[in-house]
Amino acid sequence: METGLPQEFMAGSRTYRLVPFNEPDKPSVNHHTMLEQGHREQASMGEEHGQHILKCWRQLPPEYRDHQIVLVFPEWRGSPGHIACLFWFGHELRLYWTPLKNEWEANFYLVRFIASA
């Protein structure tokens, strides 16, 4: 996890946590490592959570935008072999379909649902 990044964030009345899946000594990992980490950390979110965060994106910490943090939703599937990622485009968070068989870099994070208020 990048130093100084808030680990938890609010989206509407829900609390989420960033879950890194890269190993400290590796700049990127393959999709098997990312998926295994998601299941191990209970951070393999799908469309319902992704859409909710996308709807409430203005509440996300500005540090996420400043560091170009990408939120990964492995259970939100698009066309065959693609999963949903929320990328920063300027000052706005947008949905982008990313090939699952990708090299996943250190600024990509899984998301774990913590609680609803």
N, C-alpha and C. Protein backbone atom coordinates (compact mmCIF):
# COMPACT_ATOMS: atom_id res chain seq x y z
N MET A 1 0.85 -1.17 0.00
CA MET A 1 0.00 0.00 0.00
C MET A 1 0.89 1.23 0.00
N GLU A 2 0.55 2.18 -0.87
CA GLU A 2 1.33 3.41 -0.93
C GLU A 2 1.24 4.15 0.40
N THR A 3 2.34 4.71 0.83
CA THR A 3 2.40 5.45 2.08
C THR A 3 1.50 6.67 2.00
N GLY A 4 0.73 6.91 3.04
CA GLY A 4 -0.10 8.10 3.12
C GLY A 4 -1.48 7.96 2.51
N LEU A 5 -1.78 6.85 1.87
CA LEU A 5 -3.12 6.66 1.31
C LEU A 5 -4.09 6.22 2.39
N PRO A 6 -5.27 6.84 2.45
CA PRO A 6 -6.28 6.33 3.38
C PRO A 6 -6.67 4.91 2.98
N GLN A 7 -6.67 3.99 3.93
CA GLN A 7 -7.02 2.60 3.63
C GLN A 7 -8.52 2.41 3.52
N GLU A 8 -9.29 3.16 4.30
CA GLU A 8 -10.74 3.05 4.26
C GLU A 8 -11.34 4.30 3.64
N PHE A 9 -12.51 4.12 3.01
CA PHE A 9 -13.22 5.25 2.43
C PHE A 9 -14.72 5.01 2.50
N MET A 10 -15.46 6.10 2.43
CA MET A 10 -16.92 6.05 2.41
C MET A 10 -17.41 6.26 0.99
N ALA A 11 -18.49 5.54 0.68
CA ALA A 11 -19.23 5.75 -0.57
C ALA A 11 -20.70 5.69 -0.15
N GLY A 12 -21.35 6.85 -0.14
CA GLY A 12 -22.70 6.90 0.42
C GLY A 12 -22.62 6.54 1.88
N SER A 13 -23.44 5.60 2.32
CA SER A 13 -23.45 5.19 3.73
C SER A 13 -22.61 3.94 3.96
N ARG A 14 -21.84 3.54 2.97
CA ARG A 14 -21.05 2.31 3.07
C ARG A 14 -19.57 2.62 3.28
N THR A 15 -18.92 1.76 4.05
CA THR A 15 -17.48 1.87 4.28
C THR A 15 -16.79 0.73 3.53
N TYR A 16 -15.70 1.09 2.84
CA TYR A 16 -14.90 0.13 2.09
C TYR A 16 -13.44 0.26 2.49
N ARG A 17 -12.66 -0.76 2.16
CA ARG A 17 -11.21 -0.74 2.42
C ARG A 17 -10.48 -1.14 1.15
N LEU A 18 -9.37 -0.43 0.87
CA LEU A 18 -8.48 -0.82 -0.22
C LEU A 18 -7.71 -2.06 0.19
N VAL A 19 -7.58 -3.01 -0.73
CA VAL A 19 -6.82 -4.23 -0.46
C VAL A 19 -5.75 -4.37 -1.55
N PRO A 20 -4.48 -4.17 -1.20
CA PRO A 20 -3.42 -4.35 -2.19
C PRO A 20 -3.24 -5.83 -2.50
N PHE A 21 -2.82 -6.12 -3.71
CA PHE A 21 -2.54 -7.53 -4.04
C PHE A 21 -1.16 -7.71 -4.64
N ASN A 22 -0.41 -6.65 -4.77
CA ASN A 22 0.96 -6.77 -5.28
C ASN A 22 1.91 -7.06 -4.13
N GLU A 23 2.92 -7.83 -4.43
CA GLU A 23 3.95 -8.12 -3.45
C GLU A 23 4.95 -6.97 -3.43
N PRO A 24 5.48 -6.63 -2.25
CA PRO A 24 6.35 -5.46 -2.13
C PRO A 24 7.55 -5.45 -3.10
N ASP A 25 8.08 -6.61 -3.43
CA ASP A 25 9.27 -6.65 -4.27
C ASP A 25 8.95 -6.83 -5.76
N LYS A 26 7.67 -6.81 -6.13
CA LYS A 26 7.29 -6.99 -7.53
C LYS A 26 6.45 -5.82 -8.01
N PRO A 27 6.79 -5.22 -9.15
CA PRO A 27 6.02 -4.08 -9.66
C PRO A 27 4.65 -4.48 -10.22
N SER A 28 4.49 -5.77 -10.56
CA SER A 28 3.19 -6.23 -11.07
C SER A 28 3.04 -7.72 -10.77
N VAL A 29 1.78 -8.19 -10.82
CA VAL A 29 1.48 -9.60 -10.60
C VAL A 29 0.52 -10.07 -11.69
N ASN A 30 0.40 -11.38 -11.85
CA ASN A 30 -0.53 -11.90 -12.85
C ASN A 30 -1.94 -12.02 -12.25
N HIS A 31 -2.90 -12.37 -13.10
CA HIS A 31 -4.29 -12.41 -12.66
C HIS A 31 -4.56 -13.50 -11.63
N HIS A 32 -3.80 -14.59 -11.66
CA HIS A 32 -3.99 -15.65 -10.67
C HIS A 32 -3.71 -15.12 -9.26
N THR A 33 -2.62 -14.38 -9.11
CA THR A 33 -2.26 -13.80 -7.82
C THR A 33 -3.33 -12.82 -7.36
N MET A 34 -3.80 -11.98 -8.26
CA MET A 34 -4.82 -10.99 -7.93
C MET A 34 -6.10 -11.67 -7.48
N LEU A 35 -6.57 -12.67 -8.20
CA LEU A 35 -7.80 -13.38 -7.85
C LEU A 35 -7.67 -14.13 -6.53
N GLU A 36 -6.53 -14.78 -6.32
CA GLU A 36 -6.30 -15.50 -5.06
C GLU A 36 -6.34 -14.54 -3.87
N GLN A 37 -5.70 -13.40 -4.01
CA GLN A 37 -5.69 -12.40 -2.94
C GLN A 37 -7.10 -11.89 -2.68
N GLY A 38 -7.88 -11.68 -3.73
CA GLY A 38 -9.26 -11.22 -3.56
C GLY A 38 -10.10 -12.20 -2.75
N HIS A 39 -9.98 -13.47 -3.05
CA HIS A 39 -10.74 -14.48 -2.31
C HIS A 39 -10.23 -14.60 -0.87
N ARG A 40 -8.93 -14.58 -0.70
CA ARG A 40 -8.33 -14.71 0.64
C ARG A 40 -8.74 -13.53 1.54
N GLU A 41 -8.79 -12.34 0.97
CA GLU A 41 -9.08 -11.13 1.75
C GLU A 41 -10.55 -10.72 1.72
N GLN A 42 -11.40 -11.56 1.14
CA GLN A 42 -12.83 -11.25 0.98
C GLN A 42 -13.00 -9.91 0.28
N ALA A 43 -12.25 -9.73 -0.79
CA ALA A 43 -12.25 -8.48 -1.54
C ALA A 43 -12.47 -8.75 -3.02
N SER A 44 -13.40 -9.63 -3.32
CA SER A 44 -13.69 -9.97 -4.70
C SER A 44 -15.09 -9.45 -5.01
N MET A 45 -15.23 -8.13 -5.08
CA MET A 45 -16.52 -7.48 -5.22
C MET A 45 -17.02 -7.54 -6.66
N GLY A 46 -18.35 -7.39 -6.80
CA GLY A 46 -18.98 -7.43 -8.10
C GLY A 46 -19.65 -6.13 -8.48
N GLU A 47 -20.59 -6.24 -9.41
CA GLU A 47 -21.22 -5.07 -10.01
C GLU A 47 -21.95 -4.18 -9.02
N GLU A 48 -22.69 -4.76 -8.08
CA GLU A 48 -23.49 -3.95 -7.16
C GLU A 48 -22.61 -2.96 -6.39
N HIS A 49 -21.48 -3.43 -5.87
CA HIS A 49 -20.57 -2.53 -5.13
C HIS A 49 -19.86 -1.57 -6.08
N GLY A 50 -19.46 -2.06 -7.24
CA GLY A 50 -18.79 -1.19 -8.21
C GLY A 50 -19.68 -0.05 -8.67
N GLN A 51 -20.93 -0.35 -8.98
CA GLN A 51 -21.87 0.69 -9.40
C GLN A 51 -22.12 1.69 -8.27
N HIS A 52 -22.21 1.20 -7.05
CA HIS A 52 -22.43 2.08 -5.90
C HIS A 52 -21.26 3.05 -5.74
N ILE A 53 -20.05 2.54 -5.79
CA ILE A 53 -18.87 3.41 -5.66
C ILE A 53 -18.80 4.39 -6.83
N LEU A 54 -19.11 3.92 -8.02
CA LEU A 54 -19.10 4.80 -9.19
C LEU A 54 -20.11 5.93 -9.03
N LYS A 55 -21.26 5.62 -8.47
CA LYS A 55 -22.30 6.63 -8.24
C LYS A 55 -21.85 7.67 -7.19
N CYS A 56 -21.06 7.23 -6.22
CA CYS A 56 -20.64 8.09 -5.10
C CYS A 56 -19.18 8.53 -5.21
N TRP A 57 -18.60 8.51 -6.40
CA TRP A 57 -17.16 8.70 -6.57
C TRP A 57 -16.63 10.01 -5.99
N ARG A 58 -17.47 11.03 -5.92
CA ARG A 58 -17.00 12.33 -5.40
C ARG A 58 -16.60 12.27 -3.92
N GLN A 59 -17.05 11.24 -3.22
CA GLN A 59 -16.71 11.07 -1.80
C GLN A 59 -15.35 10.42 -1.58
N LEU A 60 -14.77 9.85 -2.61
CA LEU A 60 -13.49 9.15 -2.45
C LEU A 60 -12.39 10.14 -2.08
N PRO A 61 -11.43 9.70 -1.27
CA PRO A 61 -10.33 10.60 -0.88
C PRO A 61 -9.60 11.14 -2.11
N PRO A 62 -9.28 12.43 -2.11
CA PRO A 62 -8.58 13.01 -3.26
C PRO A 62 -7.21 12.37 -3.51
N GLU A 63 -6.63 11.76 -2.47
CA GLU A 63 -5.35 11.07 -2.65
C GLU A 63 -5.45 9.93 -3.65
N TYR A 64 -6.62 9.32 -3.76
CA TYR A 64 -6.81 8.23 -4.73
C TYR A 64 -6.66 8.76 -6.15
N ARG A 65 -7.23 9.93 -6.38
CA ARG A 65 -7.10 10.56 -7.70
C ARG A 65 -5.65 11.00 -7.93
N ASP A 66 -5.06 11.63 -6.93
CA ASP A 66 -3.70 12.14 -7.06
C ASP A 66 -2.70 11.04 -7.37
N HIS A 67 -2.93 9.83 -6.83
CA HIS A 67 -2.02 8.70 -7.05
C HIS A 67 -2.52 7.75 -8.14
N GLN A 68 -3.59 8.17 -8.84
CA GLN A 68 -4.16 7.36 -9.93
C GLN A 68 -4.47 5.93 -9.49
N ILE A 69 -5.11 5.82 -8.31
CA ILE A 69 -5.51 4.52 -7.78
C ILE A 69 -6.63 3.95 -8.65
N VAL A 70 -6.51 2.69 -9.01
CA VAL A 70 -7.51 1.99 -9.81
C VAL A 70 -8.19 0.95 -8.92
N LEU A 71 -9.52 0.97 -8.90
CA LEU A 71 -10.29 0.02 -8.10
C LEU A 71 -10.72 -1.14 -9.00
N VAL A 72 -10.45 -2.36 -8.55
CA VAL A 72 -10.66 -3.57 -9.35
C VAL A 72 -11.82 -4.38 -8.76
N PHE A 73 -12.74 -4.83 -9.64
CA PHE A 73 -13.92 -5.59 -9.24
C PHE A 73 -13.95 -6.91 -10.01
N PRO A 74 -13.25 -7.94 -9.50
CA PRO A 74 -13.08 -9.19 -10.25
C PRO A 74 -14.37 -9.96 -10.53
N GLU A 75 -15.41 -9.76 -9.74
CA GLU A 75 -16.66 -10.49 -9.97
C GLU A 75 -17.63 -9.73 -10.87
N TRP A 76 -17.24 -8.53 -11.30
CA TRP A 76 -18.05 -7.74 -12.23
C TRP A 76 -17.46 -7.98 -13.61
N ARG A 77 -18.10 -8.85 -14.36
CA ARG A 77 -17.57 -9.28 -15.65
C ARG A 77 -18.27 -8.58 -16.80
N GLY A 78 -17.48 -8.24 -17.80
CA GLY A 78 -18.02 -7.64 -19.02
C GLY A 78 -17.99 -8.66 -20.13
N SER A 79 -17.45 -8.28 -21.26
CA SER A 79 -17.30 -9.23 -22.35
C SER A 79 -16.37 -10.35 -21.88
N PRO A 80 -16.42 -11.51 -22.54
CA PRO A 80 -15.58 -12.63 -22.07
C PRO A 80 -14.13 -12.22 -21.82
N GLY A 81 -13.65 -12.58 -20.63
CA GLY A 81 -12.25 -12.32 -20.28
C GLY A 81 -11.96 -10.92 -19.79
N HIS A 82 -12.99 -10.11 -19.52
CA HIS A 82 -12.78 -8.74 -19.06
C HIS A 82 -13.49 -8.51 -17.73
N ILE A 83 -12.84 -7.74 -16.85
CA ILE A 83 -13.44 -7.38 -15.56
C ILE A 83 -13.48 -5.86 -15.44
N ALA A 84 -14.32 -5.40 -14.52
CA ALA A 84 -14.51 -3.97 -14.33
C ALA A 84 -13.41 -3.37 -13.46
N CYS A 85 -12.92 -2.22 -13.90
CA CYS A 85 -12.00 -1.41 -13.11
C CYS A 85 -12.50 0.03 -13.16
N LEU A 86 -12.34 0.73 -12.06
CA LEU A 86 -12.69 2.14 -12.02
C LEU A 86 -11.39 2.94 -12.05
N PHE A 87 -11.21 3.67 -13.15
CA PHE A 87 -10.01 4.47 -13.41
C PHE A 87 -10.33 5.95 -13.27
N TRP A 88 -9.33 6.73 -12.93
CA TRP A 88 -9.46 8.19 -12.92
C TRP A 88 -9.16 8.74 -14.31
N PHE A 89 -10.07 9.53 -14.82
CA PHE A 89 -9.89 10.29 -16.06
C PHE A 89 -10.02 11.74 -15.67
N GLY A 90 -8.89 12.43 -15.55
CA GLY A 90 -8.92 13.78 -15.02
C GLY A 90 -9.39 13.74 -13.58
N HIS A 91 -10.47 14.47 -13.30
CA HIS A 91 -11.01 14.52 -11.93
C HIS A 91 -12.24 13.65 -11.77
N GLU A 92 -12.49 12.72 -12.70
CA GLU A 92 -13.69 11.88 -12.66
C GLU A 92 -13.31 10.40 -12.69
N LEU A 93 -14.05 9.61 -11.92
CA LEU A 93 -13.86 8.16 -11.89
C LEU A 93 -14.78 7.55 -12.94
N ARG A 94 -14.23 6.65 -13.77
CA ARG A 94 -15.02 6.02 -14.83
C ARG A 94 -14.77 4.53 -14.90
N LEU A 95 -15.77 3.83 -15.42
CA LEU A 95 -15.70 2.39 -15.62
C LEU A 95 -14.89 2.08 -16.87
N TYR A 96 -14.00 1.10 -16.76
CA TYR A 96 -13.20 0.65 -17.89
C TYR A 96 -13.11 -0.87 -17.79
N TRP A 97 -13.34 -1.56 -18.91
CA TRP A 97 -13.25 -3.02 -18.94
C TRP A 97 -11.81 -3.42 -19.25
N THR A 98 -11.22 -4.16 -18.35
CA THR A 98 -9.81 -4.54 -18.44
C THR A 98 -9.69 -6.04 -18.66
N PRO A 99 -8.81 -6.47 -19.57
CA PRO A 99 -8.61 -7.91 -19.74
C PRO A 99 -8.14 -8.54 -18.42
N LEU A 100 -8.78 -9.63 -18.04
CA LEU A 100 -8.41 -10.31 -16.81
C LEU A 100 -6.96 -10.79 -16.87
N LYS A 101 -6.56 -11.32 -18.00
CA LYS A 101 -5.18 -11.81 -18.15
C LYS A 101 -4.26 -10.63 -18.46
N ASN A 102 -4.08 -9.84 -17.46
CA ASN A 102 -3.32 -8.60 -17.53
C ASN A 102 -2.21 -8.69 -16.49
N GLU A 103 -1.21 -7.87 -16.62
CA GLU A 103 -0.24 -7.69 -15.53
C GLU A 103 -0.79 -6.56 -14.67
N TRP A 104 -1.03 -6.84 -13.41
CA TRP A 104 -1.67 -5.91 -12.50
C TRP A 104 -0.62 -5.15 -11.70
N GLU A 105 -0.60 -3.85 -11.86
CA GLU A 105 0.45 -3.00 -11.28
C GLU A 105 0.09 -2.54 -9.86
N ALA A 106 1.05 -1.90 -9.22
CA ALA A 106 0.94 -1.54 -7.81
C ALA A 106 -0.15 -0.51 -7.51
N ASN A 107 -0.60 0.27 -8.50
CA ASN A 107 -1.65 1.25 -8.24
C ASN A 107 -3.06 0.67 -8.40
N PHE A 108 -3.17 -0.65 -8.64
CA PHE A 108 -4.45 -1.34 -8.73
C PHE A 108 -4.75 -1.96 -7.37
N TYR A 109 -5.99 -1.77 -6.90
CA TYR A 109 -6.39 -2.28 -5.60
C TYR A 109 -7.74 -2.98 -5.69
N LEU A 110 -7.88 -4.05 -4.95
CA LEU A 110 -9.17 -4.67 -4.74
C LEU A 110 -9.91 -3.85 -3.69
N VAL A 111 -11.21 -4.08 -3.57
CA VAL A 111 -12.04 -3.32 -2.62
C VAL A 111 -12.78 -4.32 -1.74
N ARG A 112 -12.73 -4.10 -0.44
CA ARG A 112 -13.47 -4.93 0.51
C ARG A 112 -14.57 -4.10 1.14
N PHE A 113 -15.80 -4.62 1.13
CA PHE A 113 -16.91 -3.99 1.80
C PHE A 113 -16.76 -4.22 3.30
N ILE A 114 -16.87 -3.15 4.10
CA ILE A 114 -16.71 -3.23 5.55
C ILE A 114 -18.08 -3.20 6.24
N ALA A 115 -18.88 -2.15 5.97
CA ALA A 115 -20.15 -2.00 6.68
C ALA A 115 -21.02 -0.94 6.03
N SER A 116 -22.31 -0.99 6.34
CA SER A 116 -23.25 0.07 5.99
C SER A 116 -23.65 0.80 7.25
N ALA A 117 -23.80 2.11 7.13
CA ALA A 117 -24.21 2.91 8.31
C ALA A 117 -25.71 2.85 8.49
